[in-house]
């Protein structure tokens, strides 16, 4: 029964640290266990003191560990992808608005696609690709 409480406490602390990386969750859980253990020893097993000690130890170790670089990088990458997607959508709707009948001053917009040269002037070879040129006719 005693080990069940320890495993349940460890599972709970790791669950609370689930939004962090595994390394930060381990530091948080270790600090919580250390704080809970010290509170248990100092206050003769008082459950309120143990809970406060465990939460204080977890908070202190989490603050000591600092910012989670993996979480920050993942958050930055997610924001970058959303911003790129938003920019593409804006470009699409701007293009649709420009090509709408009645928006063109003289003529109509036509796109011509040409095969591009694969050899650059500095000698590099590019992958086969095409170039699309918008022409207002």
N, C-alpha and C. Protein backbone atom coordinates (compact mmCIF):
# COMPACT_ATOMS: atom_id res chain seq x y z
N UNK A 1 0.82 -1.19 0.00
CA UNK A 1 0.00 0.00 0.00
C UNK A 1 0.87 1.26 0.00
N UNK A 2 1.97 1.18 0.73
CA UNK A 2 2.87 2.34 0.82
C UNK A 2 3.45 2.67 -0.56
N UNK A 3 3.85 1.63 -1.31
CA UNK A 3 4.43 1.85 -2.63
C UNK A 3 3.39 2.36 -3.63
N UNK A 4 2.15 1.96 -3.42
CA UNK A 4 1.08 2.43 -4.28
C UNK A 4 0.92 3.95 -4.16
N UNK A 5 1.02 4.46 -2.95
CA UNK A 5 0.94 5.91 -2.75
C UNK A 5 2.12 6.63 -3.41
N UNK A 6 3.30 6.05 -3.31
CA UNK A 6 4.47 6.66 -3.93
C UNK A 6 4.32 6.69 -5.44
N UNK A 7 3.88 5.57 -6.03
CA UNK A 7 3.70 5.54 -7.48
C UNK A 7 2.57 6.46 -7.93
N UNK A 8 1.51 6.53 -7.13
CA UNK A 8 0.40 7.43 -7.47
C UNK A 8 0.86 8.88 -7.42
N UNK A 9 1.65 9.22 -6.41
CA UNK A 9 2.18 10.59 -6.29
C UNK A 9 3.11 10.91 -7.46
N UNK A 10 3.97 9.96 -7.80
CA UNK A 10 4.89 10.16 -8.92
C UNK A 10 4.12 10.33 -10.23
N UNK A 11 3.12 9.51 -10.44
CA UNK A 11 2.30 9.60 -11.65
C UNK A 11 1.58 10.94 -11.71
N UNK A 12 1.06 11.40 -10.56
CA UNK A 12 0.35 12.67 -10.50
C UNK A 12 1.30 13.83 -10.83
N UNK A 13 2.50 13.82 -10.27
CA UNK A 13 3.46 14.90 -10.52
C UNK A 13 3.92 14.91 -11.97
N UNK A 14 4.15 13.74 -12.54
CA UNK A 14 4.55 13.68 -13.94
C UNK A 14 3.39 14.12 -14.83
N UNK A 15 2.17 13.78 -14.43
CA UNK A 15 1.00 14.22 -15.17
C UNK A 15 0.86 15.74 -15.16
N UNK A 16 1.17 16.35 -14.01
CA UNK A 16 1.14 17.82 -13.94
C UNK A 16 2.23 18.43 -14.81
N UNK A 17 3.34 17.76 -14.90
CA UNK A 17 4.44 18.26 -15.72
C UNK A 17 4.34 17.81 -17.16
N UNK A 18 3.20 17.30 -17.59
CA UNK A 18 3.04 16.77 -18.93
C UNK A 18 3.17 17.80 -20.03
N UNK A 19 2.95 19.06 -19.70
CA UNK A 19 3.07 20.08 -20.73
C UNK A 19 4.53 20.49 -20.92
N UNK A 20 5.43 19.93 -20.14
CA UNK A 20 6.85 20.21 -20.28
C UNK A 20 7.51 19.06 -21.03
N UNK A 21 8.78 19.21 -21.29
CA UNK A 21 9.52 18.09 -21.85
C UNK A 21 9.76 17.05 -20.75
N UNK A 22 10.22 15.89 -21.13
CA UNK A 22 10.43 14.81 -20.15
C UNK A 22 11.48 15.20 -19.12
N UNK A 23 12.49 15.95 -19.55
CA UNK A 23 13.56 16.33 -18.63
C UNK A 23 13.03 17.28 -17.56
N UNK A 24 12.24 18.27 -17.99
CA UNK A 24 11.69 19.21 -17.02
C UNK A 24 10.68 18.52 -16.11
N UNK A 25 9.90 17.59 -16.67
CA UNK A 25 8.94 16.85 -15.86
C UNK A 25 9.67 16.01 -14.81
N UNK A 26 10.80 15.45 -15.17
CA UNK A 26 11.58 14.66 -14.21
C UNK A 26 12.12 15.55 -13.10
N UNK A 27 12.64 16.73 -13.44
CA UNK A 27 13.11 17.66 -12.42
C UNK A 27 11.97 18.10 -11.50
N UNK A 28 10.82 18.38 -12.09
CA UNK A 28 9.66 18.81 -11.29
C UNK A 28 9.21 17.70 -10.36
N UNK A 29 9.12 16.48 -10.88
CA UNK A 29 8.72 15.34 -10.05
C UNK A 29 9.74 15.08 -8.94
N UNK A 30 11.01 15.16 -9.28
CA UNK A 30 12.06 14.95 -8.27
C UNK A 30 12.00 16.00 -7.18
N UNK A 31 11.80 17.25 -7.56
CA UNK A 31 11.68 18.31 -6.56
C UNK A 31 10.46 18.13 -5.69
N UNK A 32 9.36 17.68 -6.31
CA UNK A 32 8.15 17.43 -5.53
C UNK A 32 8.34 16.29 -4.54
N UNK A 33 9.00 15.23 -4.99
CA UNK A 33 9.25 14.11 -4.08
C UNK A 33 10.20 14.51 -2.95
N UNK A 34 11.21 15.29 -3.29
CA UNK A 34 12.15 15.74 -2.26
C UNK A 34 11.45 16.64 -1.25
N UNK A 35 10.64 17.59 -1.75
CA UNK A 35 9.92 18.47 -0.84
C UNK A 35 8.91 17.72 0.01
N UNK A 36 8.21 16.76 -0.58
CA UNK A 36 7.26 15.95 0.17
C UNK A 36 7.95 15.08 1.22
N UNK A 37 9.08 14.51 0.83
CA UNK A 37 9.83 13.67 1.77
C UNK A 37 10.38 14.46 2.95
N UNK A 38 10.92 15.65 2.67
CA UNK A 38 11.42 16.49 3.76
C UNK A 38 10.28 16.92 4.68
N UNK A 39 9.14 17.29 4.09
CA UNK A 39 7.99 17.69 4.91
C UNK A 39 7.48 16.52 5.74
N UNK A 40 7.50 15.34 5.19
CA UNK A 40 7.07 14.14 5.92
C UNK A 40 7.98 13.91 7.12
N UNK A 41 9.29 14.06 6.89
CA UNK A 41 10.24 13.82 7.98
C UNK A 41 10.18 14.92 9.03
N UNK A 42 10.03 16.16 8.61
CA UNK A 42 10.07 17.27 9.55
C UNK A 42 8.76 17.44 10.34
N UNK A 43 7.62 17.10 9.73
CA UNK A 43 6.34 17.35 10.37
C UNK A 43 5.60 16.05 10.73
N UNK A 44 6.34 14.98 10.92
CA UNK A 44 5.81 13.70 11.41
C UNK A 44 4.65 13.18 10.57
N UNK A 45 4.74 13.29 9.26
CA UNK A 45 3.76 12.70 8.36
C UNK A 45 2.45 13.46 8.25
N UNK A 46 2.41 14.72 8.65
CA UNK A 46 1.20 15.52 8.53
C UNK A 46 0.85 15.64 7.03
N UNK A 47 -0.34 15.19 6.62
CA UNK A 47 -0.66 15.17 5.18
C UNK A 47 -0.70 16.56 4.55
N UNK A 48 -1.13 17.56 5.29
CA UNK A 48 -1.17 18.92 4.74
C UNK A 48 0.24 19.44 4.52
N UNK A 49 1.11 19.18 5.48
CA UNK A 49 2.50 19.62 5.34
C UNK A 49 3.19 18.89 4.20
N UNK A 50 2.89 17.61 4.05
CA UNK A 50 3.49 16.83 2.95
C UNK A 50 3.02 17.37 1.60
N UNK A 51 1.73 17.67 1.48
CA UNK A 51 1.20 18.21 0.23
C UNK A 51 1.81 19.57 -0.09
N UNK A 52 1.89 20.43 0.92
CA UNK A 52 2.50 21.75 0.71
C UNK A 52 3.99 21.64 0.37
N UNK A 53 4.68 20.73 1.05
CA UNK A 53 6.11 20.53 0.78
C UNK A 53 6.34 19.99 -0.62
N UNK A 54 5.49 19.06 -1.04
CA UNK A 54 5.64 18.48 -2.38
C UNK A 54 5.35 19.53 -3.46
N UNK A 55 4.29 20.30 -3.27
CA UNK A 55 3.98 21.32 -4.28
C UNK A 55 5.03 22.42 -4.28
N UNK A 56 5.53 22.79 -3.10
CA UNK A 56 6.60 23.80 -3.04
C UNK A 56 7.88 23.29 -3.68
N UNK A 57 8.22 22.04 -3.43
CA UNK A 57 9.42 21.46 -4.04
C UNK A 57 9.30 21.37 -5.55
N UNK A 58 8.10 21.01 -6.04
CA UNK A 58 7.89 20.93 -7.49
C UNK A 58 7.98 22.31 -8.12
N UNK A 59 7.36 23.31 -7.48
CA UNK A 59 7.40 24.68 -8.02
C UNK A 59 8.82 25.23 -8.00
N UNK A 60 9.55 24.98 -6.92
CA UNK A 60 10.92 25.48 -6.82
C UNK A 60 11.83 24.83 -7.85
N UNK A 61 11.71 23.51 -8.02
CA UNK A 61 12.57 22.85 -9.01
C UNK A 61 12.19 23.24 -10.43
N UNK A 62 10.91 23.47 -10.68
CA UNK A 62 10.48 23.92 -12.00
C UNK A 62 11.02 25.31 -12.30
N UNK A 63 10.97 26.20 -11.30
CA UNK A 63 11.52 27.56 -11.48
C UNK A 63 13.04 27.51 -11.64
N UNK A 64 13.69 26.62 -10.90
CA UNK A 64 15.14 26.50 -10.98
C UNK A 64 15.57 25.99 -12.36
N UNK A 65 14.78 25.08 -12.92
CA UNK A 65 15.12 24.53 -14.25
C UNK A 65 15.04 25.61 -15.33
N UNK A 66 14.12 26.54 -15.19
CA UNK A 66 14.01 27.65 -16.13
C UNK A 66 13.12 27.32 -17.32
N UNK A 67 13.29 28.09 -18.38
CA UNK A 67 12.48 27.92 -19.58
C UNK A 67 12.80 26.60 -20.26
N UNK A 68 11.78 26.00 -20.80
CA UNK A 68 11.93 24.72 -21.50
C UNK A 68 12.19 25.01 -22.98
N UNK A 69 13.42 24.82 -23.40
CA UNK A 69 13.82 25.17 -24.77
C UNK A 69 13.05 24.36 -25.81
N UNK A 70 12.78 23.10 -25.53
CA UNK A 70 12.04 22.26 -26.49
C UNK A 70 10.63 22.79 -26.67
N UNK A 71 9.99 23.18 -25.57
CA UNK A 71 8.62 23.72 -25.66
C UNK A 71 8.63 25.07 -26.37
N UNK A 72 9.63 25.90 -26.09
CA UNK A 72 9.71 27.20 -26.76
C UNK A 72 9.93 27.05 -28.26
N UNK A 73 10.80 26.12 -28.64
CA UNK A 73 11.06 25.89 -30.06
C UNK A 73 9.82 25.34 -30.76
N UNK A 74 9.14 24.42 -30.13
CA UNK A 74 7.92 23.86 -30.72
C UNK A 74 6.85 24.94 -30.86
N UNK A 75 6.74 25.78 -29.85
CA UNK A 75 5.76 26.88 -29.90
C UNK A 75 6.10 27.86 -31.02
N UNK A 76 7.39 28.20 -31.14
CA UNK A 76 7.82 29.11 -32.21
C UNK A 76 7.53 28.51 -33.58
N UNK A 77 7.86 27.24 -33.76
CA UNK A 77 7.62 26.59 -35.05
C UNK A 77 6.13 26.53 -35.39
N UNK A 78 5.30 26.27 -34.40
CA UNK A 78 3.85 26.24 -34.64
C UNK A 78 3.34 27.62 -35.06
N UNK A 79 3.80 28.65 -34.37
CA UNK A 79 3.40 30.01 -34.74
C UNK A 79 3.90 30.40 -36.11
N UNK A 80 5.11 29.98 -36.46
CA UNK A 80 5.67 30.29 -37.76
C UNK A 80 4.84 29.65 -38.87
N UNK A 81 4.45 28.39 -38.65
CA UNK A 81 3.64 27.69 -39.65
C UNK A 81 2.27 28.34 -39.81
N UNK A 82 1.67 28.75 -38.71
CA UNK A 82 0.37 29.42 -38.79
C UNK A 82 0.49 30.76 -39.50
N UNK A 83 1.55 31.50 -39.23
CA UNK A 83 1.74 32.79 -39.90
C UNK A 83 2.00 32.60 -41.39
N UNK A 84 2.76 31.58 -41.75
CA UNK A 84 3.00 31.30 -43.16
C UNK A 84 1.72 30.93 -43.87
N UNK A 85 0.91 30.12 -43.22
CA UNK A 85 -0.37 29.73 -43.79
C UNK A 85 -1.27 30.95 -43.96
N UNK A 86 -1.27 31.82 -42.98
CA UNK A 86 -2.08 33.04 -43.06
C UNK A 86 -1.61 33.94 -44.20
N UNK A 87 -0.31 34.07 -44.38
CA UNK A 87 0.23 34.90 -45.46
C UNK A 87 -0.15 34.33 -46.83
N UNK A 88 -0.13 33.02 -46.96
CA UNK A 88 -0.50 32.38 -48.22
C UNK A 88 -1.98 32.62 -48.50
N UNK A 89 -2.81 32.51 -47.48
CA UNK A 89 -4.25 32.75 -47.66
C UNK A 89 -4.51 34.20 -48.07
N UNK A 90 -3.81 35.13 -47.43
CA UNK A 90 -3.98 36.54 -47.80
C UNK A 90 -3.58 36.78 -49.24
N UNK A 91 -2.46 36.19 -49.64
CA UNK A 91 -1.99 36.34 -51.02
C UNK A 91 -3.02 35.77 -51.99
N UNK A 92 -3.59 34.63 -51.66
CA UNK A 92 -4.58 34.00 -52.52
C UNK A 92 -5.79 34.91 -52.70
N UNK A 93 -6.33 35.43 -51.59
CA UNK A 93 -7.53 36.27 -51.70
C UNK A 93 -7.23 37.60 -52.37
N UNK A 94 -6.03 38.13 -52.18
CA UNK A 94 -5.63 39.35 -52.89
C UNK A 94 -5.59 39.09 -54.39
N UNK A 95 -5.04 37.96 -54.78
CA UNK A 95 -4.99 37.58 -56.19
C UNK A 95 -6.40 37.40 -56.75
N UNK A 96 -7.27 36.75 -55.99
CA UNK A 96 -8.65 36.57 -56.44
C UNK A 96 -9.35 37.91 -56.63
N UNK A 97 -9.10 38.84 -55.73
CA UNK A 97 -9.72 40.16 -55.83
C UNK A 97 -9.19 40.92 -57.05
N UNK A 98 -7.90 40.79 -57.31
CA UNK A 98 -7.32 41.49 -58.46
C UNK A 98 -7.83 40.92 -59.78
N UNK A 99 -8.10 39.62 -59.82
CA UNK A 99 -8.52 38.98 -61.06
C UNK A 99 -10.03 39.00 -61.26
N UNK A 100 -10.76 39.50 -60.30
CA UNK A 100 -12.22 39.53 -60.42
C UNK A 100 -12.62 40.41 -61.61
N UNK A 101 -13.58 39.96 -62.39
CA UNK A 101 -14.01 40.78 -63.53
C UNK A 101 -14.47 42.16 -63.06
N UNK A 102 -14.05 43.17 -63.80
CA UNK A 102 -14.38 44.54 -63.46
C UNK A 102 -13.29 45.23 -62.67
N UNK A 103 -12.35 44.49 -62.11
CA UNK A 103 -11.25 45.10 -61.34
C UNK A 103 -10.06 45.44 -62.22
N UNK A 104 -10.00 44.91 -63.41
CA UNK A 104 -8.86 45.16 -64.29
C UNK A 104 -9.17 46.37 -65.16
N UNK A 105 -8.24 47.27 -65.21
CA UNK A 105 -8.48 48.53 -65.92
C UNK A 105 -8.60 48.32 -67.43
N UNK A 106 -7.66 47.68 -68.05
CA UNK A 106 -7.69 47.46 -69.50
C UNK A 106 -7.28 46.02 -69.79
N UNK A 107 -8.19 45.22 -70.25
CA UNK A 107 -7.85 43.85 -70.65
C UNK A 107 -8.08 42.85 -69.54
N UNK A 108 -7.51 41.67 -69.75
CA UNK A 108 -7.66 40.60 -68.78
C UNK A 108 -6.29 40.03 -68.44
N UNK A 109 -6.21 39.46 -67.28
CA UNK A 109 -4.95 38.90 -66.80
C UNK A 109 -4.87 37.44 -67.24
N UNK A 110 -3.78 37.09 -67.91
CA UNK A 110 -3.56 35.72 -68.38
C UNK A 110 -2.20 35.26 -67.86
N UNK A 111 -2.14 33.99 -67.49
CA UNK A 111 -0.88 33.41 -67.00
C UNK A 111 -0.29 32.52 -68.08
N UNK A 112 0.99 32.73 -68.36
CA UNK A 112 1.73 31.90 -69.32
C UNK A 112 2.81 31.15 -68.56
N UNK A 113 2.92 29.87 -68.83
CA UNK A 113 3.91 29.03 -68.16
C UNK A 113 4.95 28.58 -69.17
N UNK A 114 6.22 28.75 -68.78
CA UNK A 114 7.34 28.40 -69.65
C UNK A 114 8.29 27.47 -68.90
N UNK A 115 8.92 26.54 -69.60
CA UNK A 115 9.95 25.74 -68.94
C UNK A 115 11.17 26.63 -68.69
N UNK A 116 11.74 26.50 -67.51
CA UNK A 116 12.88 27.34 -67.14
C UNK A 116 14.19 26.62 -67.45
N UNK A 117 15.25 27.42 -67.60
CA UNK A 117 16.58 26.89 -67.85
C UNK A 117 17.12 26.29 -66.55
N UNK A 118 17.69 25.10 -66.64
CA UNK A 118 18.20 24.43 -65.45
C UNK A 118 19.63 24.82 -65.11
N UNK A 119 20.36 25.40 -66.04
CA UNK A 119 21.75 25.76 -65.82
C UNK A 119 21.84 27.24 -65.45
N UNK A 120 22.39 27.52 -64.26
CA UNK A 120 22.54 28.90 -63.81
C UNK A 120 23.81 29.49 -64.41
N UNK A 121 23.94 30.80 -64.36
CA UNK A 121 25.11 31.47 -64.93
C UNK A 121 26.40 31.11 -64.20
N UNK A 122 26.32 30.72 -62.94
CA UNK A 122 27.52 30.34 -62.19
C UNK A 122 27.84 28.85 -62.28
N UNK A 123 27.09 28.11 -63.10
CA UNK A 123 27.39 26.71 -63.34
C UNK A 123 26.56 25.73 -62.52
N UNK A 124 25.73 26.21 -61.61
CA UNK A 124 24.89 25.30 -60.82
C UNK A 124 23.76 24.75 -61.67
N UNK A 125 23.39 23.49 -61.37
CA UNK A 125 22.26 22.86 -62.06
C UNK A 125 21.05 22.86 -61.12
N UNK A 126 19.92 23.31 -61.62
CA UNK A 126 18.70 23.33 -60.83
C UNK A 126 17.80 22.17 -61.22
N UNK A 127 16.84 21.87 -60.37
CA UNK A 127 15.84 20.86 -60.65
C UNK A 127 14.93 21.39 -61.76
N UNK A 128 14.40 20.48 -62.59
CA UNK A 128 13.48 20.90 -63.64
C UNK A 128 12.32 21.67 -63.03
N UNK A 129 12.03 22.84 -63.57
CA UNK A 129 10.94 23.65 -63.05
C UNK A 129 10.39 24.54 -64.15
N UNK A 130 9.28 25.17 -63.85
CA UNK A 130 8.64 26.10 -64.79
C UNK A 130 8.54 27.47 -64.17
N UNK A 131 8.37 28.46 -65.02
CA UNK A 131 8.16 29.84 -64.58
C UNK A 131 6.82 30.30 -65.11
N UNK A 132 5.99 30.84 -64.24
CA UNK A 132 4.69 31.35 -64.63
C UNK A 132 4.74 32.88 -64.60
N UNK A 133 4.33 33.48 -65.71
CA UNK A 133 4.38 34.94 -65.86
C UNK A 133 2.96 35.46 -66.06
N UNK A 134 2.50 36.39 -65.20
CA UNK A 134 1.20 36.99 -65.42
C UNK A 134 1.31 38.14 -66.44
N UNK A 135 0.43 38.14 -67.45
CA UNK A 135 0.44 39.17 -68.48
C UNK A 135 -0.96 39.80 -68.52
N UNK A 136 -1.01 41.13 -68.46
CA UNK A 136 -2.27 41.83 -68.60
C UNK A 136 -2.47 42.11 -70.08
N UNK A 137 -3.48 41.47 -70.69
CA UNK A 137 -3.73 41.60 -72.14
C UNK A 137 -4.82 42.59 -72.39
